[in-house]
C-alpha cells in the first residue's frame, strides 16, 4: 500500500475506486466497504483508494476539545488498512477550511479534481460538505454531472446491531470487551512504553510492566482487570499471554492511576521498551483487599481466569 500525504503530488490513478472517511477502528463495517471496493477494482482493472482525514474531523468540528477518543491512531489505521490490501491511502489534513467546503465544492474541487474517480463507495450514513448536507442521493446526482459511479453499502449488523465506531467506544467504556472485539473483527489493542513502578507486584510473585501511553487521544478501557496478550521487540516479537490491571490499586496505593501488565512465565528487565497490548476480555473490577496475602490469592484466580479466556481465543 502506498501512503500519500500531499494532494499536489498524487499519481494518476487508474480507474480509481474510492471511499472517504475517518475509518476509526477499521471495524467490520469498514471491512465490508473495503471488500466491495476490491471486488469492483478487480472487475475494471482499477485501484482501491481510501481517503482518510487527520486529525479526526470531530476534533475540529466539536465544541468540546478532547471529546472523542480514538480507537486507532493514524499509524494504527495505516497498519490495519495495509493488512486489508488497499492499494492507496491518502491522508488529508482536516482543518476548518476543509470542513467549510460546500457539498458541491467537496465533490468538484476535491474528489473530482484530485482523484478522477471511476466509482465512489459510501456507507449507509455517509454525509459530506459543510453542515453535512451532502448525502448518497446528492452524490449520485454529482456522479451524473462528473461521470463517476456511486454505490452505497447498507448498514452492517452483528446480532441485529449496527456496527459503528461510536458503539465500539461505548462497549469499551462499559467493559464489554467481547462485544467491542466482535464489532471490530479483531482484539482491541494499544501501545505502551514500559516505565518503572514501585515493584510491589514483584514482592508477591506478580511482576508487572507499568505502561505509559504516549497518545493522549487513544481510548483506553475502563478501570479493571483484563485478559491480554502482548507483543514487542523485547520478546523477540513473540506473542505472550498475560493479564492487565487499569486503576488506582486500592490495596497498595489508591491514588495514582496505572496501567500494569503481568506477563505469564516472564520476568525480565524490559524497561524503556514499547509493547503492544491486545485486550481480549474483562475479568473483574478493582477491589480493595485486606492485605497483600488476600490480593495474591485473588491474582492467582485472575491468572486462571485469563488463561481460560485466552485459550478460547485465537491470536488475532
C-alpha atoms as a PDB file:
ATOM      1  CA  UNK A   1       0.000   0.000   0.000  1.00  0.00           C
ATOM      2  CA  UNK A   2       1.240   3.467  -0.905  1.00  0.00           C
ATOM      3  CA  UNK A   3       0.528   6.265   1.577  1.00  0.00           C
ATOM      4  CA  UNK A   4       0.158   9.813   0.238  1.00  0.00           C
ATOM      5  CA  UNK A   5       0.200  12.973   2.354  1.00  0.00           C
ATOM      6  CA  UNK A   6       0.229  15.708  -0.293  1.00  0.00           C
ATOM      7  CA  UNK A   7      -2.728  16.233  -2.624  1.00  0.00           C
ATOM      8  CA  UNK A   8      -0.489  18.070  -5.068  1.00  0.00           C
ATOM      9  CA  UNK A   9       1.791  15.044  -5.530  1.00  0.00           C
ATOM     10  CA  UNK A  10      -0.801  12.348  -6.183  1.00  0.00           C
ATOM     11  CA  UNK A  11      -0.107   9.972  -9.082  1.00  0.00           C
ATOM     12  CA  UNK A  12      -2.612   9.500 -11.910  1.00  0.00           C
ATOM     13  CA  UNK A  13      -4.849   6.749 -10.566  1.00  0.00           C
ATOM     14  CA  UNK A  14      -6.091   4.008 -12.887  1.00  0.00           C
ATOM     15  CA  UNK A  15      -9.868   3.588 -12.658  1.00  0.00           C
ATOM     16  CA  UNK A  16      -9.892   4.693  -9.038  1.00  0.00           C
ATOM     17  CA  UNK A  17     -12.406   3.010  -6.753  1.00  0.00           C
ATOM     18  CA  UNK A  18     -12.517   5.321  -3.782  1.00  0.00           C
ATOM     19  CA  UNK A  19     -14.128   5.833  -0.412  1.00  0.00           C
ATOM     20  CA  UNK A  20     -13.654   8.516   2.213  1.00  0.00           C
ATOM     21  CA  UNK A  21     -13.915   8.670   5.980  1.00  0.00           C
ATOM     22  CA  UNK A  22     -12.144   8.661   9.315  1.00  0.00           C
ATOM     23  CA  UNK A  23     -12.051   4.839   9.314  1.00  0.00           C
ATOM     24  CA  UNK A  24     -11.515   4.907  13.074  1.00  0.00           C
ATOM     25  CA  UNK A  25     -11.065   1.306  14.168  1.00  0.00           C
ATOM     26  CA  UNK A  26     -11.207  -0.168  10.641  1.00  0.00           C
ATOM     27  CA  UNK A  27     -14.064  -2.283  12.011  1.00  0.00           C
ATOM     28  CA  UNK A  28     -16.261  -4.862  10.283  1.00  0.00           C
ATOM     29  CA  UNK A  29     -18.403  -2.168   8.685  1.00  0.00           C
ATOM     30  CA  UNK A  30     -15.313  -0.581   7.169  1.00  0.00           C
ATOM     31  CA  UNK A  31     -14.066  -4.013   6.142  1.00  0.00           C
ATOM     32  CA  UNK A  32     -17.268  -4.608   4.172  1.00  0.00           C
ATOM     33  CA  UNK A  33     -16.698  -1.382   2.236  1.00  0.00           C
ATOM     34  CA  UNK A  34     -13.093  -2.389   1.554  1.00  0.00           C
ATOM     35  CA  UNK A  35     -14.162  -5.805   0.319  1.00  0.00           C
ATOM     36  CA  UNK A  36     -16.641  -4.269  -2.117  1.00  0.00           C
ATOM     37  CA  UNK A  37     -14.029  -1.767  -3.345  1.00  0.00           C
ATOM     38  CA  UNK A  38     -11.671  -4.638  -4.104  1.00  0.00           C
ATOM     39  CA  UNK A  39     -14.373  -6.571  -5.971  1.00  0.00           C
ATOM     40  CA  UNK A  40     -15.120  -3.613  -8.248  1.00  0.00           C
ATOM     41  CA  UNK A  41     -11.442  -2.768  -8.778  1.00  0.00           C
ATOM     42  CA  UNK A  42     -10.776  -6.358  -9.873  1.00  0.00           C
ATOM     43  CA  UNK A  43     -13.623  -6.142 -12.397  1.00  0.00           C
ATOM     44  CA  UNK A  44     -12.433  -2.905 -14.024  1.00  0.00           C
ATOM     45  CA  UNK A  45      -8.662  -3.297 -13.619  1.00  0.00           C
ATOM     46  CA  UNK A  46      -8.731  -0.387 -11.170  1.00  0.00           C
ATOM     47  CA  UNK A  47      -7.041   0.721  -7.969  1.00  0.00           C
ATOM     48  CA  UNK A  48      -8.535   0.969  -4.486  1.00  0.00           C
ATOM     49  CA  UNK A  49      -8.081   4.340  -2.810  1.00  0.00           C
ATOM     50  CA  UNK A  50      -9.090   5.244   0.727  1.00  0.00           C
ATOM     51  CA  UNK A  51      -9.150   8.924   1.612  1.00  0.00           C
ATOM     52  CA  UNK A  52      -8.901   9.449   5.349  1.00  0.00           C
ATOM     53  CA  UNK A  53      -8.635  12.566   7.456  1.00  0.00           C
ATOM     54  CA  UNK A  54      -6.222  13.637  10.146  1.00  0.00           C
ATOM     55  CA  UNK A  55      -6.923  14.811  12.738  1.00  0.00           C
ATOM     56  CA  UNK A  56     -10.320  13.206  13.298  1.00  0.00           C
ATOM     57  CA  UNK A  57     -12.974  15.571  11.844  1.00  0.00           C
ATOM     58  CA  UNK A  58     -14.862  15.725  15.126  1.00  0.00           C
ATOM     59  CA  UNK A  59     -11.755  17.097  16.823  1.00  0.00           C
ATOM     60  CA  UNK A  60     -12.131  20.154  14.591  1.00  0.00           C
ATOM     61  CA  UNK A  61     -15.915  20.442  14.469  1.00  0.00           C
ATOM     62  CA  UNK A  62     -16.680  19.613  18.107  1.00  0.00           C
ATOM     63  CA  UNK A  63     -17.039  22.455  20.599  1.00  0.00           C
ATOM     64  CA  UNK A  64     -15.550  20.252  23.347  1.00  0.00           C
ATOM     65  CA  UNK A  65     -11.784  19.638  22.917  1.00  0.00           C
ATOM     66  CA  UNK A  66     -10.795  16.032  23.535  1.00  0.00           C
ATOM     67  CA  UNK A  67     -14.401  14.831  23.436  1.00  0.00           C
ATOM     68  CA  UNK A  68     -13.647  11.981  21.057  1.00  0.00           C
ATOM     69  CA  UNK A  69     -11.108   9.338  21.999  1.00  0.00           C
ATOM     70  CA  UNK A  70      -9.895   7.367  19.010  1.00  0.00           C
ATOM     71  CA  UNK A  71      -9.972   3.618  18.551  1.00  0.00           C
ATOM     72  CA  UNK A  72      -6.929   3.810  16.292  1.00  0.00           C
ATOM     73  CA  UNK A  73      -4.147   6.313  15.815  1.00  0.00           C
ATOM     74  CA  UNK A  74      -3.173   7.296  12.282  1.00  0.00           C
ATOM     75  CA  UNK A  75      -0.274   4.830  12.328  1.00  0.00           C
ATOM     76  CA  UNK A  76      -2.572   2.047  13.548  1.00  0.00           C
ATOM     77  CA  UNK A  77      -5.072   2.813  10.799  1.00  0.00           C
ATOM     78  CA  UNK A  78      -2.260   2.650   8.261  1.00  0.00           C
ATOM     79  CA  UNK A  79      -1.219  -0.778   9.569  1.00  0.00           C
ATOM     80  CA  UNK A  80      -4.771  -2.137   9.500  1.00  0.00           C
ATOM     81  CA  UNK A  81      -5.538  -0.794   6.019  1.00  0.00           C
ATOM     82  CA  UNK A  82      -2.286  -2.155   4.641  1.00  0.00           C
ATOM     83  CA  UNK A  83      -3.171  -5.542   6.108  1.00  0.00           C
ATOM     84  CA  UNK A  84      -6.565  -5.266   4.382  1.00  0.00           C
ATOM     85  CA  UNK A  85      -4.835  -4.946   0.998  1.00  0.00           C
ATOM     86  CA  UNK A  86      -5.715  -1.391  -0.018  1.00  0.00           C
ATOM     87  CA  UNK A  87      -3.646  -0.007  -2.932  1.00  0.00           C
ATOM     88  CA  UNK A  88      -3.515   3.657  -1.890  1.00  0.00           C
ATOM     89  CA  UNK A  89      -4.200   5.576   1.316  1.00  0.00           C
ATOM     90  CA  UNK A  90      -4.433   9.364   1.051  1.00  0.00           C
ATOM     91  CA  UNK A  91      -4.163  11.251   4.338  1.00  0.00           C
ATOM     92  CA  UNK A  92      -5.866  14.630   4.066  1.00  0.00           C
ATOM     93  CA  UNK A  93      -5.276  17.330   6.713  1.00  0.00           C
ATOM     94  CA  UNK A  94      -8.672  18.148   8.174  1.00  0.00           C
ATOM     95  CA  UNK A  95      -8.980  21.788   9.221  1.00  0.00           C
ATOM     96  CA  UNK A  96     -11.637  24.493   9.461  1.00  0.00           C
ATOM     97  CA  UNK A  97     -11.204  25.463   5.804  1.00  0.00           C
ATOM     98  CA  UNK A  98     -11.784  21.897   4.647  1.00  0.00           C
ATOM     99  CA  UNK A  99     -14.765  21.482   6.991  1.00  0.00           C
ATOM    100  CA  UNK A 100     -16.399  24.519   5.371  1.00  0.00           C
ATOM    101  CA  UNK A 101     -16.334  23.216   1.799  1.00  0.00           C
ATOM    102  CA  UNK A 102     -19.852  23.047   0.405  1.00  0.00           C
ATOM    103  CA  UNK A 103     -21.086  19.686  -0.817  1.00  0.00           C
ATOM    104  CA  UNK A 104     -20.562  20.763  -4.442  1.00  0.00           C
ATOM    105  CA  UNK A 105     -17.073  22.111  -3.783  1.00  0.00           C
ATOM    106  CA  UNK A 106     -16.194  18.922  -1.899  1.00  0.00           C
ATOM    107  CA  UNK A 107     -17.129  16.823  -4.918  1.00  0.00           C
ATOM    108  CA  UNK A 108     -15.906  19.078  -7.716  1.00  0.00           C
ATOM    109  CA  UNK A 109     -12.804  20.696  -6.200  1.00  0.00           C
ATOM    110  CA  UNK A 110     -11.686  17.807  -4.022  1.00  0.00           C
ATOM    111  CA  UNK A 111     -12.888  14.386  -5.202  1.00  0.00           C
ATOM    112  CA  UNK A 112     -13.057  15.013  -8.946  1.00  0.00           C
ATOM    113  CA  UNK A 113     -10.125  17.424  -9.249  1.00  0.00           C
ATOM    114  CA  UNK A 114      -7.669  15.230  -7.337  1.00  0.00           C
ATOM    115  CA  UNK A 115      -8.903  11.665  -7.848  1.00  0.00           C
ATOM    116  CA  UNK A 116     -10.978  11.497 -11.061  1.00  0.00           C
ATOM    117  CA  UNK A 117     -12.875   8.512  -9.606  1.00  0.00           C
ATOM    118  CA  UNK A 118     -14.369   5.715 -11.629  1.00  0.00           C
ATOM    119  CA  UNK A 119     -16.517   4.618  -8.675  1.00  0.00           C
ATOM    120  CA  UNK A 120     -17.194   6.026  -5.218  1.00  0.00           C
ATOM    121  CA  UNK A 121     -18.302   3.634  -2.469  1.00  0.00           C
ATOM    122  CA  UNK A 122     -20.004   5.080   0.613  1.00  0.00           C
ATOM    123  CA  UNK A 123     -21.530   3.717   3.786  1.00  0.00           C
ATOM    124  CA  UNK A 124     -25.235   3.840   4.610  1.00  0.00           C
ATOM    125  CA  UNK A 125     -24.888   7.012   6.723  1.00  0.00           C
ATOM    126  CA  UNK A 126     -22.343   8.918   4.642  1.00  0.00           C
ATOM    127  CA  UNK A 127     -22.569  12.701   4.791  1.00  0.00           C
ATOM    128  CA  UNK A 128     -20.255  15.311   3.264  1.00  0.00           C
ATOM    129  CA  UNK A 129     -19.807  19.044   2.805  1.00  0.00           C
ATOM    130  CA  UNK A 130     -20.470  21.961   5.130  1.00  0.00           C
ATOM    131  CA  UNK A 131     -23.217  21.192   7.595  1.00  0.00           C
ATOM    132  CA  UNK A 132     -23.118  17.548   6.443  1.00  0.00           C
ATOM    133  CA  UNK A 133     -25.731  18.458   3.833  1.00  0.00           C
ATOM    134  CA  UNK A 134     -24.402  16.096   1.156  1.00  0.00           C
ATOM    135  CA  UNK A 135     -25.776  12.552   1.082  1.00  0.00           C
ATOM    136  CA  UNK A 136     -25.941   9.493  -1.161  1.00  0.00           C
ATOM    137  CA  UNK A 137     -28.688  10.863  -3.414  1.00  0.00           C
ATOM    138  CA  UNK A 138     -26.838  14.136  -3.944  1.00  0.00           C
ATOM    139  CA  UNK A 139     -23.619  12.245  -4.655  1.00  0.00           C
ATOM    140  CA  UNK A 140     -25.422  10.204  -7.321  1.00  0.00           C
ATOM    141  CA  UNK A 141     -26.562  13.432  -8.952  1.00  0.00           C
ATOM    142  CA  UNK A 142     -22.991  14.726  -8.993  1.00  0.00           C
ATOM    143  CA  UNK A 143     -21.904  11.384 -10.391  1.00  0.00           C
ATOM    144  CA  UNK A 144     -24.041  12.008 -13.452  1.00  0.00           C
ATOM    145  CA  UNK A 145     -22.573  15.503 -13.801  1.00  0.00           C
ATOM    146  CA  UNK A 146     -18.937  14.442 -13.384  1.00  0.00           C
ATOM    147  CA  UNK A 147     -19.069  10.943 -14.845  1.00  0.00           C
ATOM    148  CA  UNK A 148     -18.460   8.597 -11.921  1.00  0.00           C
ATOM    149  CA  UNK A 149     -20.434   5.709 -10.459  1.00  0.00           C
ATOM    150  CA  UNK A 150     -21.737   5.692  -6.902  1.00  0.00           C
ATOM    151  CA  UNK A 151     -22.568   2.695  -4.753  1.00  0.00           C
ATOM    152  CA  UNK A 152     -23.874   2.565  -1.209  1.00  0.00           C
ATOM    153  CA  UNK A 153     -23.126  -0.224   1.270  1.00  0.00           C
ATOM    154  CA  UNK A 154     -26.041  -0.998   3.555  1.00  0.00           C
ATOM    155  CA  UNK A 155     -25.625  -0.903   7.302  1.00  0.00           C
ATOM    156  CA  UNK A 156     -23.660  -3.850   8.639  1.00  0.00           C
ATOM    157  CA  UNK A 157     -25.139  -5.742  11.552  1.00  0.00           C
ATOM    158  CA  UNK A 158     -23.888  -8.068  14.264  1.00  0.00           C
ATOM    159  CA  UNK A 159     -26.740  -9.743  16.138  1.00  0.00           C
ATOM    160  CA  UNK A 160     -29.142  -7.086  14.799  1.00  0.00           C
ATOM    161  CA  UNK A 161     -26.908  -4.228  15.960  1.00  0.00           C
ATOM    162  CA  UNK A 162     -25.393  -1.649  13.630  1.00  0.00           C
ATOM    163  CA  UNK A 163     -21.597  -1.700  13.578  1.00  0.00           C
ATOM    164  CA  UNK A 164     -20.149   1.746  14.260  1.00  0.00           C
ATOM    165  CA  UNK A 165     -17.089   3.297  15.867  1.00  0.00           C
ATOM    166  CA  UNK A 166     -19.393   5.023  18.361  1.00  0.00           C
ATOM    167  CA  UNK A 167     -20.907   1.735  19.516  1.00  0.00           C
ATOM    168  CA  UNK A 168     -17.451   0.192  19.859  1.00  0.00           C
ATOM    169  CA  UNK A 169     -16.283   3.104  22.028  1.00  0.00           C
ATOM    170  CA  UNK A 170     -19.349   2.671  24.208  1.00  0.00           C
ATOM    171  CA  UNK A 171     -18.726  -1.042  24.656  1.00  0.00           C
ATOM    172  CA  UNK A 172     -15.095  -0.445  25.596  1.00  0.00           C
ATOM    173  CA  UNK A 173     -16.167   2.173  28.144  1.00  0.00           C
ATOM    174  CA  UNK A 174     -18.726  -0.276  29.556  1.00  0.00           C
ATOM    175  CA  UNK A 175     -16.045  -3.017  29.824  1.00  0.00           C
ATOM    176  CA  UNK A 176     -17.894  -5.176  27.292  1.00  0.00           C
ATOM    177  CA  UNK A 177     -14.661  -6.093  25.544  1.00  0.00           C
ATOM    178  CA  UNK A 178     -16.043  -9.228  23.927  1.00  0.00           C
ATOM    179  CA  UNK A 179     -18.753  -7.231  22.147  1.00  0.00           C
ATOM    180  CA  UNK A 180     -16.352  -4.477  21.096  1.00  0.00           C
ATOM    181  CA  UNK A 181     -13.992  -7.055  19.623  1.00  0.00           C
ATOM    182  CA  UNK A 182     -16.879  -8.747  17.842  1.00  0.00           C
ATOM    183  CA  UNK A 183     -17.735  -5.486  16.063  1.00  0.00           C
ATOM    184  CA  UNK A 184     -14.083  -4.703  15.350  1.00  0.00           C
ATOM    185  CA  UNK A 185     -13.293  -8.126  13.939  1.00  0.00           C
ATOM    186  CA  UNK A 186     -10.076  -8.313  15.988  1.00  0.00           C
ATOM    187  CA  UNK A 187      -8.883  -7.809  19.579  1.00  0.00           C
ATOM    188  CA  UNK A 188      -8.688  -4.152  20.595  1.00  0.00           C
ATOM    189  CA  UNK A 189      -5.113  -3.022  21.039  1.00  0.00           C
ATOM    190  CA  UNK A 190      -2.910  -0.140  22.137  1.00  0.00           C
ATOM    191  CA  UNK A 191       0.792   0.622  22.583  1.00  0.00           C
ATOM    192  CA  UNK A 192       2.539   1.445  25.837  1.00  0.00           C
ATOM    193  CA  UNK A 193       6.043   2.453  26.885  1.00  0.00           C
ATOM    194  CA  UNK A 194       7.318   0.470  29.899  1.00  0.00           C
ATOM    195  CA  UNK A 195       8.310   2.639  32.879  1.00  0.00           C
ATOM    196  CA  UNK A 196       9.462   1.829  36.398  1.00  0.00           C
ATOM    197  CA  UNK A 197       6.783   1.286  39.033  1.00  0.00           C
ATOM    198  CA  UNK A 198       7.053   0.686  42.773  1.00  0.00           C
ATOM    199  CA  UNK A 199       7.655  -3.050  42.144  1.00  0.00           C
ATOM    200  CA  UNK A 200       5.170  -4.228  44.795  1.00  0.00           C
ATOM    201  CA  UNK A 201       3.887  -6.873  42.381  1.00  0.00           C
ATOM    202  CA  UNK A 202       7.337  -8.425  42.230  1.00  0.00           C
ATOM    203  CA  UNK A 203       7.375  -8.951  46.025  1.00  0.00           C
ATOM    204  CA  UNK A 204       4.255 -11.156  45.856  1.00  0.00           C
ATOM    205  CA  UNK A 205       5.244 -13.091  42.745  1.00  0.00           C
ATOM    206  CA  UNK A 206       3.417 -10.989  40.151  1.00  0.00           C
ATOM    207  CA  UNK A 207       5.929  -8.678  38.442  1.00  0.00           C
ATOM    208  CA  UNK A 208       4.253  -6.172  36.140  1.00  0.00           C
ATOM    209  CA  UNK A 209       5.197  -3.975  33.220  1.00  0.00           C
ATOM    210  CA  UNK A 210       3.923  -0.489  34.030  1.00  0.00           C
ATOM    211  CA  UNK A 211       2.844   1.326  30.885  1.00  0.00           C
ATOM    212  CA  UNK A 212       2.862   4.941  29.846  1.00  0.00           C
ATOM    213  CA  UNK A 213       0.537   5.781  26.935  1.00  0.00           C
ATOM    214  CA  UNK A 214       2.043   8.435  24.655  1.00  0.00           C
ATOM    215  CA  UNK A 215      -1.086   9.002  22.574  1.00  0.00           C
ATOM    216  CA  UNK A 216      -3.438  11.186  24.616  1.00  0.00           C
ATOM    217  CA  UNK A 217      -6.235  10.663  22.085  1.00  0.00           C
ATOM    218  CA  UNK A 218      -6.155   6.861  22.285  1.00  0.00           C
ATOM    219  CA  UNK A 219      -9.147   5.273  24.005  1.00  0.00           C
ATOM    220  CA  UNK A 220      -8.028   3.138  26.949  1.00  0.00           C
ATOM    221  CA  UNK A 221     -10.509   0.663  28.515  1.00  0.00           C
ATOM    222  CA  UNK A 222     -12.094   1.482  31.868  1.00  0.00           C
ATOM    223  CA  UNK A 223     -10.619   0.519  35.219  1.00  0.00           C
ATOM    224  CA  UNK A 224     -10.487  -3.210  35.918  1.00  0.00           C
ATOM    225  CA  UNK A 225      -8.637  -6.447  35.263  1.00  0.00           C
ATOM    226  CA  UNK A 226      -8.420  -7.860  31.741  1.00  0.00           C
ATOM    227  CA  UNK A 227      -7.098 -10.904  29.879  1.00  0.00           C
ATOM    228  CA  UNK A 228      -4.486  -9.708  27.368  1.00  0.00           C
ATOM    229  CA  UNK A 229      -1.719 -10.698  25.007  1.00  0.00           C
ATOM    230  CA  UNK A 230       1.434  -8.658  24.429  1.00  0.00           C
ATOM    231  CA  UNK A 231       3.998  -8.323  21.674  1.00  0.00           C
ATOM    232  CA  UNK A 232       7.236  -6.371  21.363  1.00  0.00           C
ATOM    233  CA  UNK A 233      10.824  -6.472  20.246  1.00  0.00           C
ATOM    234  CA  UNK A 234      11.768  -7.184  23.878  1.00  0.00           C
ATOM    235  CA  UNK A 235      10.017 -10.553  23.500  1.00  0.00           C
ATOM    236  CA  UNK A 236      11.752 -11.330  20.229  1.00  0.00           C
ATOM    237  CA  UNK A 237       8.479 -10.359  18.530  1.00  0.00           C
ATOM    238  CA  UNK A 238       6.829 -13.364  20.141  1.00  0.00           C
ATOM    239  CA  UNK A 239       3.273 -13.056  21.471  1.00  0.00           C
ATOM    240  CA  UNK A 240       2.829 -13.740  25.192  1.00  0.00           C
ATOM    241  CA  UNK A 241      -0.242 -14.199  27.374  1.00  0.00           C
ATOM    242  CA  UNK A 242      -0.931 -12.083  30.425  1.00  0.00           C
ATOM    243  CA  UNK A 243      -3.399 -10.052  32.442  1.00  0.00           C
ATOM    244  CA  UNK A 244      -3.715  -6.302  32.814  1.00  0.00           C
ATOM    245  CA  UNK A 245      -4.912  -4.056  35.590  1.00  0.00           C
ATOM    246  CA  UNK A 246      -6.065  -0.492  34.964  1.00  0.00           C
ATOM    247  CA  UNK A 247      -6.797   1.619  38.022  1.00  0.00           C
ATOM    248  CA  UNK A 248      -5.529   3.081  41.272  1.00  0.00           C
ATOM    249  CA  UNK A 249      -4.596  -0.215  43.021  1.00  0.00           C
ATOM    250  CA  UNK A 250      -6.645   0.476  46.183  1.00  0.00           C
ATOM    251  CA  UNK A 251      -4.898  -2.246  48.202  1.00  0.00           C
ATOM    252  CA  UNK A 252      -1.367  -0.875  47.762  1.00  0.00           C
ATOM    253  CA  UNK A 253      -1.760   2.742  46.661  1.00  0.00           C
ATOM    254  CA  UNK A 254      -5.221   4.070  45.980  1.00  0.00           C
ATOM    255  CA  UNK A 255      -4.187   7.378  44.426  1.00  0.00           C
ATOM    256  CA  UNK A 256      -2.277   7.214  41.164  1.00  0.00           C
ATOM    257  CA  UNK A 257      -3.921   5.560  38.166  1.00  0.00           C
ATOM    258  CA  UNK A 258      -1.706   2.999  36.467  1.00  0.00           C
ATOM    259  CA  UNK A 259      -1.805   0.526  33.613  1.00  0.00           C
ATOM    260  CA  UNK A 260       0.174  -2.592  34.505  1.00  0.00           C
ATOM    261  CA  UNK A 261       0.543  -5.930  32.751  1.00  0.00           C
ATOM    262  CA  UNK A 262       1.569  -9.204  34.369  1.00  0.00           C
ATOM    263  CA  UNK A 263       3.096 -11.349  31.615  1.00  0.00           C
ATOM    264  CA  UNK A 264       2.792 -15.047  32.383  1.00  0.00           C
ATOM    265  CA  UNK A 265       6.013 -17.040  32.825  1.00  0.00           C
ATOM    266  CA  UNK A 266       8.098 -13.942  32.110  1.00  0.00           C
ATOM    267  CA  UNK A 267      10.291 -11.948  34.481  1.00  0.00           C
ATOM    268  CA  UNK A 268      12.991  -9.983  32.666  1.00  0.00           C
ATOM    269  CA  UNK A 269      14.116  -6.361  32.662  1.00  0.00           C
ATOM    270  CA  UNK A 270      12.228  -4.719  29.792  1.00  0.00           C
ATOM    271  CA  UNK A 271      12.144  -1.099  30.964  1.00  0.00           C
ATOM    272  CA  UNK A 272      12.014   1.638  28.326  1.00  0.00           C
ATOM    273  CA  UNK A 273      10.629  -0.743  25.710  1.00  0.00           C
ATOM    274  CA  UNK A 274       7.425  -0.281  23.701  1.00  0.00           C
ATOM    275  CA  UNK A 275       4.919  -3.125  23.614  1.00  0.00           C
ATOM    276  CA  UNK A 276       1.536  -3.714  22.021  1.00  0.00           C
ATOM    277  CA  UNK A 277      -1.279  -4.946  24.245  1.00  0.00           C
ATOM    278  CA  UNK A 278      -4.287  -6.801  22.808  1.00  0.00           C
ATOM    279  CA  UNK A 279      -7.316  -6.822  25.118  1.00  0.00           C
ATOM    280  CA  UNK A 280      -9.455  -9.969  24.933  1.00  0.00           C
ATOM    281  CA  UNK A 281     -11.943  -9.758  27.789  1.00  0.00           C
ATOM    282  CA  UNK A 282     -12.843  -8.145  31.088  1.00  0.00           C
ATOM    283  CA  UNK A 283     -12.349 -10.225  34.240  1.00  0.00           C
ATOM    284  CA  UNK A 284     -13.362  -8.109  37.227  1.00  0.00           C
ATOM    285  CA  UNK A 285     -13.424  -4.651  38.737  1.00  0.00           C
ATOM    286  CA  UNK A 286     -10.988  -3.130  41.188  1.00  0.00           C
ATOM    287  CA  UNK A 287     -11.311  -4.315  44.785  1.00  0.00           C
ATOM    288  CA  UNK A 288      -9.595  -3.201  47.988  1.00  0.00           C
ATOM    289  CA  UNK A 289      -8.304  -6.336  49.703  1.00  0.00           C
ATOM    290  CA  UNK A 290      -7.361  -6.821  53.330  1.00  0.00           C
ATOM    291  CA  UNK A 291      -3.640  -7.005  52.766  1.00  0.00           C
ATOM    292  CA  UNK A 292      -1.231  -8.448  50.232  1.00  0.00           C
ATOM    293  CA  UNK A 293      -1.996 -12.103  51.021  1.00  0.00           C
ATOM    294  CA  UNK A 294      -5.647 -11.645  50.065  1.00  0.00           C
ATOM    295  CA  UNK A 295      -4.576  -9.731  46.955  1.00  0.00           C
ATOM    296  CA  UNK A 296      -2.169 -12.509  45.971  1.00  0.00           C
ATOM    297  CA  UNK A 297      -4.903 -15.135  46.333  1.00  0.00           C
ATOM    298  CA  UNK A 298      -7.184 -13.136  44.030  1.00  0.00           C
ATOM    299  CA  UNK A 299      -4.411 -12.619  41.494  1.00  0.00           C
ATOM    300  CA  UNK A 300      -3.930 -16.391  41.289  1.00  0.00           C
ATOM    301  CA  UNK A 301      -7.638 -16.686  40.461  1.00  0.00           C
ATOM    302  CA  UNK A 302      -7.261 -13.910  37.869  1.00  0.00           C
ATOM    303  CA  UNK A 303      -4.407 -15.811  36.198  1.00  0.00           C
ATOM    304  CA  UNK A 304      -6.617 -18.882  35.848  1.00  0.00           C
ATOM    305  CA  UNK A 305      -9.490 -16.778  34.503  1.00  0.00           C
ATOM    306  CA  UNK A 306      -7.197 -15.095  31.975  1.00  0.00           C
ATOM    307  CA  UNK A 307      -5.735 -18.367  30.765  1.00  0.00           C
ATOM    308  CA  UNK A 308      -9.211 -19.839  30.301  1.00  0.00           C
ATOM    309  CA  UNK A 309     -10.304 -16.801  28.269  1.00  0.00           C
ATOM    310  CA  UNK A 310      -7.170 -16.745  26.118  1.00  0.00           C
ATOM    311  CA  UNK A 311      -7.325 -20.475  25.401  1.00  0.00           C
ATOM    312  CA  UNK A 312     -10.749 -19.864  23.864  1.00  0.00           C
ATOM    313  CA  UNK A 313      -9.467 -17.140  21.520  1.00  0.00           C
ATOM    314  CA  UNK A 314      -7.114 -17.399  18.558  1.00  0.00           C
ATOM    315  CA  UNK A 315      -4.189 -14.994  18.496  1.00  0.00           C
ATOM    316  CA  UNK A 316      -5.960 -12.426  16.277  1.00  0.00           C
END
